C-alpha atoms as a PDB file:
ATOM      1  CA  MET A   1      -0.020  -0.033  -0.018  1.00  0.00           C
ATOM      2  CA  LYS A   2       1.279   3.408  -0.878  1.00  0.00           C
ATOM      3  CA  ILE A   3       0.349   5.891   1.735  1.00  0.00           C
ATOM      4  CA  ARG A   4       0.786   9.575   0.740  1.00  0.00           C
ATOM      5  CA  LEU A   5      -0.153  12.754   2.593  1.00  0.00           C
ATOM      6  CA  THR A   6      -1.932  13.994  -0.531  1.00  0.00           C
ATOM      7  CA  ASP A   7      -4.373  11.096  -0.245  1.00  0.00           C
ATOM      8  CA  TYR A   8      -5.803  12.656   2.858  1.00  0.00           C
ATOM      9  CA  MET A   9      -5.639  16.344   1.971  1.00  0.00           C
ATOM     10  CA  ASP A  10      -9.193  16.726   0.491  1.00  0.00           C
ATOM     11  CA  ARG A  11     -10.863  14.001   2.625  1.00  0.00           C
ATOM     12  CA  SER A  12     -12.756  14.343   5.913  1.00  0.00           C
ATOM     13  CA  ILE A  13     -11.745  11.605   8.209  1.00  0.00           C
ATOM     14  CA  GLN A  14     -14.307  11.683  10.988  1.00  0.00           C
ATOM     15  CA  HIS A  15     -16.689   9.605  13.086  1.00  0.00           C
ATOM     16  CA  ASP A  16     -19.029  10.437  15.985  1.00  0.00           C
ATOM     17  CA  GLY A  17     -17.599  13.949  16.599  1.00  0.00           C
ATOM     18  CA  PHE A  18     -13.895  12.883  16.303  1.00  0.00           C
ATOM     19  CA  GLN A  19     -11.975  14.157  13.338  1.00  0.00           C
ATOM     20  CA  LEU A  20      -8.503  13.622  12.067  1.00  0.00           C
ATOM     21  CA  LYS A  21      -6.575  16.451  10.303  1.00  0.00           C
ATOM     22  CA  PRO A  22      -4.878  15.397   7.100  1.00  0.00           C
ATOM     23  CA  LYS A  23      -1.395  15.076   8.734  1.00  0.00           C
ATOM     24  CA  ASP A  24      -2.857  13.062  11.619  1.00  0.00           C
ATOM     25  CA  ALA A  25      -4.728  10.784   9.265  1.00  0.00           C
ATOM     26  CA  TYR A  26      -1.520  10.226   7.259  1.00  0.00           C
ATOM     27  CA  GLU A  27       0.549   9.372  10.354  1.00  0.00           C
ATOM     28  CA  THR A  28      -2.256   7.094  11.700  1.00  0.00           C
ATOM     29  CA  ALA A  29      -2.434   5.173   8.357  1.00  0.00           C
ATOM     30  CA  GLN A  30       1.356   4.890   8.409  1.00  0.00           C
ATOM     31  CA  ASN A  31       1.314   3.420  11.940  1.00  0.00           C
ATOM     32  CA  ILE A  32      -1.474   0.980  11.122  1.00  0.00           C
ATOM     33  CA  GLU A  33       0.535  -0.056   8.095  1.00  0.00           C
ATOM     34  CA  GLU A  34       3.562  -0.660  10.283  1.00  0.00           C
ATOM     35  CA  ILE A  35       1.562  -2.792  12.568  1.00  0.00           C
ATOM     36  CA  PHE A  36       0.499  -4.959   9.615  1.00  0.00           C
ATOM     37  CA  LEU A  37       4.007  -5.270   8.312  1.00  0.00           C
ATOM     38  CA  ARG A  38       5.434  -6.169  11.754  1.00  0.00           C
ATOM     39  CA  ASN A  39       2.965  -9.055  11.892  1.00  0.00           C
ATOM     40  CA  SER A  40       3.907 -10.452   8.452  1.00  0.00           C
ATOM     41  CA  SER A  41       7.074 -11.953   6.951  1.00  0.00           C
ATOM     42  CA  TRP A  42       8.858 -11.976   3.592  1.00  0.00           C
ATOM     43  CA  PHE A  43       6.601 -14.580   1.998  1.00  0.00           C
ATOM     44  CA  ARG A  44       3.487 -14.111   3.956  1.00  0.00           C
ATOM     45  CA  ARG A  45       0.787 -11.515   3.223  1.00  0.00           C
ATOM     46  CA  PRO A  46      -0.391  -9.569   6.313  1.00  0.00           C
ATOM     47  CA  LYS A  47      -3.282 -11.443   7.844  1.00  0.00           C
ATOM     48  CA  PRO A  48      -6.457  -9.584   8.870  1.00  0.00           C
ATOM     49  CA  MET A  49      -6.399  -8.323  12.449  1.00  0.00           C
ATOM     50  CA  HIS A  50      -9.264  -7.331  14.691  1.00  0.00           C
ATOM     51  CA  TYR A  51      -9.420  -3.528  15.325  1.00  0.00           C
ATOM     52  CA  LEU A  52      -9.041  -4.152  19.047  1.00  0.00           C
ATOM     53  CA  GLU A  53      -5.687  -5.962  18.475  1.00  0.00           C
ATOM     54  CA  ILE A  54      -4.647  -3.066  16.136  1.00  0.00           C
ATOM     55  CA  ARG A  55      -5.531  -0.671  18.971  1.00  0.00           C
ATOM     56  CA  ARG A  56      -3.480  -2.656  21.515  1.00  0.00           C
ATOM     57  CA  GLN A  57      -0.478  -2.751  19.237  1.00  0.00           C
ATOM     58  CA  TYR A  58      -0.775   0.866  18.327  1.00  0.00           C
ATOM     59  CA  LYS A  59      -0.583   1.806  22.041  1.00  0.00           C
ATOM     60  CA  ASN A  60       2.640  -0.374  22.270  1.00  0.00           C
ATOM     61  CA  LEU A  61       4.026   1.256  19.103  1.00  0.00           C
ATOM     62  CA  ARG A  62       3.369   4.737  20.270  1.00  0.00           C
ATOM     63  CA  PRO A  63       3.235   4.614  24.165  1.00  0.00           C
ATOM     64  CA  GLY A  64       3.490   8.383  24.529  1.00  0.00           C
ATOM     65  CA  MET A  65       0.303   9.035  22.705  1.00  0.00           C
ATOM     66  CA  GLU A  66      -1.714   7.392  25.414  1.00  0.00           C
ATOM     67  CA  GLN A  67       0.290   9.024  28.147  1.00  0.00           C
ATOM     68  CA  PHE A  68       0.028  12.583  26.686  1.00  0.00           C
ATOM     69  CA  HIS A  69      -3.371  12.288  24.960  1.00  0.00           C
ATOM     70  CA  PRO A  70      -5.425   9.661  26.905  1.00  0.00           C
ATOM     71  CA  GLY A  71      -8.190   8.017  24.910  1.00  0.00           C
ATOM     72  CA  VAL A  72      -7.056   9.410  21.546  1.00  0.00           C
ATOM     73  CA  VAL A  73      -5.664   6.045  20.314  1.00  0.00           C
ATOM     74  CA  ASP A  74      -9.066   4.506  20.956  1.00  0.00           C
ATOM     75  CA  LEU A  75     -10.725   7.161  18.851  1.00  0.00           C
ATOM     76  CA  MET A  76      -8.228   6.834  16.079  1.00  0.00           C
ATOM     77  CA  THR A  77      -8.586   3.068  15.870  1.00  0.00           C
ATOM     78  CA  GLN A  78     -12.445   3.028  15.677  1.00  0.00           C
ATOM     79  CA  PRO A  79     -13.436   0.668  12.819  1.00  0.00           C
ATOM     80  CA  GLU A  80     -15.098   3.612  11.018  1.00  0.00           C
ATOM     81  CA  ILE A  81     -11.938   5.756  11.155  1.00  0.00           C
ATOM     82  CA  ILE A  82      -9.764   2.858  10.024  1.00  0.00           C
ATOM     83  CA  ALA A  83     -11.968   2.147   7.085  1.00  0.00           C
ATOM     84  CA  GLN A  84     -11.868   5.830   6.018  1.00  0.00           C
ATOM     85  CA  LEU A  85      -8.093   5.615   6.168  1.00  0.00           C
ATOM     86  CA  GLY A  86      -8.202   3.027   3.475  1.00  0.00           C
ATOM     87  CA  PHE A  87      -8.068  -0.303   5.357  1.00  0.00           C
ATOM     88  CA  PRO A  88     -11.032  -2.583   4.697  1.00  0.00           C
ATOM     89  CA  VAL A  89     -13.035  -3.492   7.801  1.00  0.00           C
ATOM     90  CA  ASP A  90     -15.586  -6.387   7.890  1.00  0.00           C
ATOM     91  CA  ASP A  91     -18.795  -6.548   9.849  1.00  0.00           C
ATOM     92  CA  GLU A  92     -16.966  -8.389  12.673  1.00  0.00           C
ATOM     93  CA  GLY A  93     -14.288  -5.741  13.071  1.00  0.00           C
ATOM     94  CA  ASN A  94     -11.548  -7.570  11.287  1.00  0.00           C
ATOM     95  CA  VAL A  95      -9.225  -5.136   9.430  1.00  0.00           C
ATOM     96  CA  SER A  96      -7.408  -6.199   6.210  1.00  0.00           C
ATOM     97  CA  TYR A  97      -4.283  -4.840   4.668  1.00  0.00           C
ATOM     98  CA  PRO A  98      -5.140  -3.451   1.228  1.00  0.00           C
ATOM     99  CA  PHE A  99      -3.131  -4.490  -1.776  1.00  0.00           C
END
């Protein structure tokens, strides 16, 4: 997946009163991609992950966010926000890595 800041410049990434600015959306998408890539290998495609697992790993990846902005990671990793960032989310909350 090629994540570019320009992909988020003209889009409104928001859900239930929470909104990500373009730069924040870009960085969030990069962090989610990093989580997927850390859970794959050279010859394995990234497997779908439940959004709660992504949330847990995101907090481990960026521990300062939860410390300095409590609850923001939970808002950023809502299924609706993740889907708007370009990651497919199924009805059960499983997130797939787009190819």
